[in-house]
Protein backbone atom coordinates (compact mmCIF):
# COMPACT_ATOMS: atom_id res chain seq x y z
CA UNK A 1 232.69 -24.68 227.18
CA UNK A 2 236.23 -23.63 226.59
CA UNK A 3 238.98 -25.92 225.45
CA UNK A 4 240.73 -25.43 228.78
CA UNK A 5 238.47 -28.03 230.38
CA UNK A 6 237.83 -30.39 227.46
CA UNK A 7 240.87 -32.49 226.78
CA UNK A 8 240.08 -34.25 223.53
CA UNK A 9 242.54 -36.96 224.60
CA UNK A 10 242.46 -40.14 222.57
CA UNK A 11 241.12 -43.03 224.62
CA UNK A 12 243.06 -45.61 222.69
CA UNK A 13 239.93 -46.88 220.94
CA UNK A 14 240.13 -44.42 218.07
CA UNK A 15 237.76 -41.79 219.49
CA UNK A 16 238.42 -38.52 221.26
CA UNK A 17 237.82 -38.58 225.00
CA UNK A 18 235.91 -35.63 226.39
CA UNK A 19 236.47 -35.91 230.11
CA UNK A 20 234.10 -33.08 231.03
CA UNK A 21 231.25 -34.71 229.12
CA UNK A 22 232.04 -37.98 230.85
CA UNK A 23 232.00 -36.27 234.25
CA UNK A 24 228.66 -34.60 233.50
CA UNK A 25 227.24 -37.94 232.40
CA UNK A 26 228.27 -39.50 235.72
CA UNK A 27 226.69 -36.63 237.64
CA UNK A 28 223.46 -37.02 235.67
CA UNK A 29 223.20 -40.53 237.10
CA UNK A 30 224.07 -39.79 240.74
CA UNK A 31 225.68 -37.32 243.09
CA UNK A 32 229.40 -37.82 243.51
CA UNK A 33 231.90 -36.37 245.92
CA UNK A 34 234.93 -34.45 244.71
CA UNK A 35 237.05 -37.43 245.74
CA UNK A 36 234.90 -39.90 243.81
CA UNK A 37 234.95 -37.73 240.69
CA UNK A 38 238.71 -37.33 240.90
CA UNK A 39 239.15 -41.09 241.24
CA UNK A 40 236.88 -41.80 238.27
CA UNK A 41 238.60 -39.27 236.05
CA UNK A 42 242.01 -40.69 236.97
CA UNK A 43 240.80 -44.22 236.23
CA UNK A 44 239.72 -43.02 232.77
CA UNK A 45 243.21 -41.64 232.11
CA UNK A 46 242.50 -37.96 232.58
CA UNK A 47 245.77 -36.11 233.28
CA UNK A 48 246.05 -34.55 236.75
CA UNK A 49 246.06 -30.88 235.59
CA UNK A 50 242.99 -31.54 233.45
CA UNK A 51 241.29 -33.33 236.36
CA UNK A 52 241.94 -30.30 238.59
CA UNK A 53 240.48 -27.92 235.98
CA UNK A 54 237.38 -30.10 235.56
CA UNK A 55 236.88 -30.39 239.33
CA UNK A 56 237.25 -26.62 239.74
CA UNK A 57 234.76 -25.99 236.92
CA UNK A 58 232.22 -28.46 238.34
CA UNK A 59 232.58 -27.06 241.87
CA UNK A 60 232.33 -23.48 240.64
CA UNK A 61 228.96 -24.29 239.10
CA UNK A 62 227.92 -26.41 242.12
CA UNK A 63 227.65 -29.62 240.10
CA UNK A 64 230.05 -31.02 242.70
CA UNK A 65 229.30 -29.94 246.25
CA UNK A 66 230.37 -32.21 249.10
CA UNK A 67 228.45 -30.22 251.69
CA UNK A 68 225.20 -30.46 249.74
CA UNK A 69 225.78 -34.17 249.23
CA UNK A 70 226.36 -34.63 252.98
CA UNK A 71 223.19 -32.68 253.81
CA UNK A 72 221.17 -34.89 251.47
CA UNK A 73 222.75 -37.99 252.96
CA UNK A 74 221.66 -36.87 256.45
CA UNK A 75 218.08 -36.43 255.26
CA UNK A 76 218.12 -39.82 253.57
CA UNK A 77 219.68 -41.56 256.59
CA UNK A 78 217.10 -40.09 258.93
CA UNK A 79 214.32 -41.26 256.61
CA UNK A 80 215.82 -44.76 256.63
CA UNK A 81 216.36 -44.77 260.43
CA UNK A 82 220.15 -44.94 260.17
CA UNK A 83 222.32 -43.80 263.06
CA UNK A 84 224.86 -41.00 263.08
CA UNK A 85 227.84 -43.37 263.19
CA UNK A 86 226.67 -45.28 260.11
CA UNK A 87 226.25 -42.00 258.29
CA UNK A 88 229.63 -40.64 259.38
CA UNK A 89 231.37 -43.84 258.24
CA UNK A 90 229.52 -43.79 254.91
CA UNK A 91 230.44 -40.17 254.18
CA UNK A 92 234.07 -40.69 255.23
CA UNK A 93 234.31 -43.70 252.91
CA UNK A 94 233.10 -41.52 250.04
CA UNK A 95 235.82 -38.95 250.74
CA UNK A 96 233.65 -36.15 252.15
CA UNK A 97 235.85 -33.74 254.16
CA UNK A 98 235.41 -33.88 257.94
CA UNK A 99 234.21 -30.27 258.17
CA UNK A 100 231.38 -30.99 255.70
CA UNK A 101 230.43 -34.13 257.61
CA UNK A 102 230.32 -32.28 260.93
CA UNK A 103 228.31 -29.41 259.46
CA UNK A 104 225.76 -31.81 257.97
CA UNK A 105 225.54 -33.89 261.15
CA UNK A 106 224.79 -30.75 263.18
CA UNK A 107 221.22 -31.00 261.89
CA UNK A 108 220.96 -34.59 263.17
CA UNK A 109 220.60 -34.12 266.92
CA UNK A 110 220.98 -36.81 269.57
CA UNK A 111 217.31 -36.36 270.37
CA UNK A 112 216.37 -37.02 266.76
CA UNK A 113 218.68 -40.04 266.67
CA UNK A 114 216.98 -41.37 269.81
CA UNK A 115 213.56 -41.01 268.16
CA UNK A 116 214.77 -42.83 265.07
CA UNK A 117 216.32 -45.64 267.14
CA UNK A 118 212.98 -46.07 268.92
CA UNK A 119 211.08 -46.11 265.64
CA UNK A 120 213.52 -48.60 264.12
CA UNK A 121 213.29 -50.84 267.19
CA UNK A 122 209.51 -50.92 267.06
CA UNK A 123 209.53 -51.86 263.39
CA UNK A 124 212.16 -54.54 263.86
CA UNK A 125 210.53 -56.08 266.91
CA UNK A 126 207.25 -56.47 265.05
CA UNK A 127 208.96 -59.05 262.86
CA UNK A 128 210.50 -61.13 265.66
CA UNK A 129 207.63 -61.32 268.17
CA UNK A 130 207.72 -65.07 268.64
CA UNK A 131 211.32 -65.28 269.82
CA UNK A 132 212.27 -65.58 273.49
CA UNK A 133 213.05 -62.25 275.20
CA UNK A 134 216.79 -62.85 275.48
CA UNK A 135 217.04 -63.69 271.79
CA UNK A 136 214.96 -60.61 270.84
CA UNK A 137 217.24 -58.43 272.99
CA UNK A 138 220.35 -59.78 271.31
CA UNK A 139 219.01 -59.52 267.78
CA UNK A 140 217.58 -56.02 268.31
CA UNK A 141 220.82 -54.75 269.83
CA UNK A 142 222.94 -56.21 267.05
CA UNK A 143 220.61 -54.83 264.39
CA UNK A 144 220.59 -51.30 265.85
CA UNK A 145 224.39 -51.32 266.15
CA UNK A 146 224.70 -52.35 262.49
CA UNK A 147 222.46 -49.40 261.60
CA UNK A 148 225.01 -47.09 263.22
CA UNK A 149 223.30 -46.10 266.46
CA UNK A 150 225.40 -45.20 269.50
CA UNK A 151 226.07 -48.28 271.71
CA UNK A 152 224.78 -46.58 274.88
CA UNK A 153 221.65 -45.52 273.05
CA UNK A 154 221.19 -49.06 271.75
CA UNK A 155 221.46 -50.48 275.28
CA UNK A 156 218.80 -48.05 276.52
CA UNK A 157 216.44 -48.74 273.62
CA UNK A 158 216.82 -52.51 274.04
CA UNK A 159 216.15 -52.25 277.78
CA UNK A 160 213.06 -50.14 277.19
CA UNK A 161 211.55 -52.31 274.45
CA UNK A 162 212.61 -55.77 275.66
CA UNK A 163 213.21 -55.61 279.41
CA UNK A 164 215.02 -58.49 281.07
CA UNK A 165 212.60 -61.13 282.27
CA UNK A 166 212.11 -61.11 286.03
CA UNK A 167 213.02 -64.32 287.82
C-alpha cells in the first residue's frame, strides 16, 4: 500500500494511526456503506482528503460497494419476511444512494412481497390462536406494518387470514 492512503497521523495516545488499516478492520467485521465508512473515519479524526483517498481505494477494490450491500440486504430481508418499505427505510438510514436502493429492490417484486407477507402472517398467527378474532386482526395488522409491508397488502392479508366474524 502506498503512503498516499496511509496517514500515519498521531492519535494523541502516542501511537501512529493507520486509517486504512482501521477501515479494513471494520470491514472484516461487517459490511459498511460508503457513508458509514466516511462517518467512522471522520469520528476517528481522519482528515477529509485522506478519507476521500481511502474511500476511493476501498471502492476501487470493491471492499466498499453500496449496490452489493443493498443486494445482500434484499436477500436477507426476504429470508426474514421483511417488507419492501422496511428495507427501503433501513438502507436509506445507512446512507445507501437511492439509485442503488431502487436497483436492489427491483429484484423484490410485489408478488414476492405478497408471498412473504402471507408466510409471515401464518407464522405469527400460530402464536396467537387463542385470542378473539378482532384482537388477532389488530395484532397481525400492526405486526405486518412494523415489518414494512405495504398497508393495502396488510389489509388484504389480514382479511384473508382473519376474516371479520359474521353477525
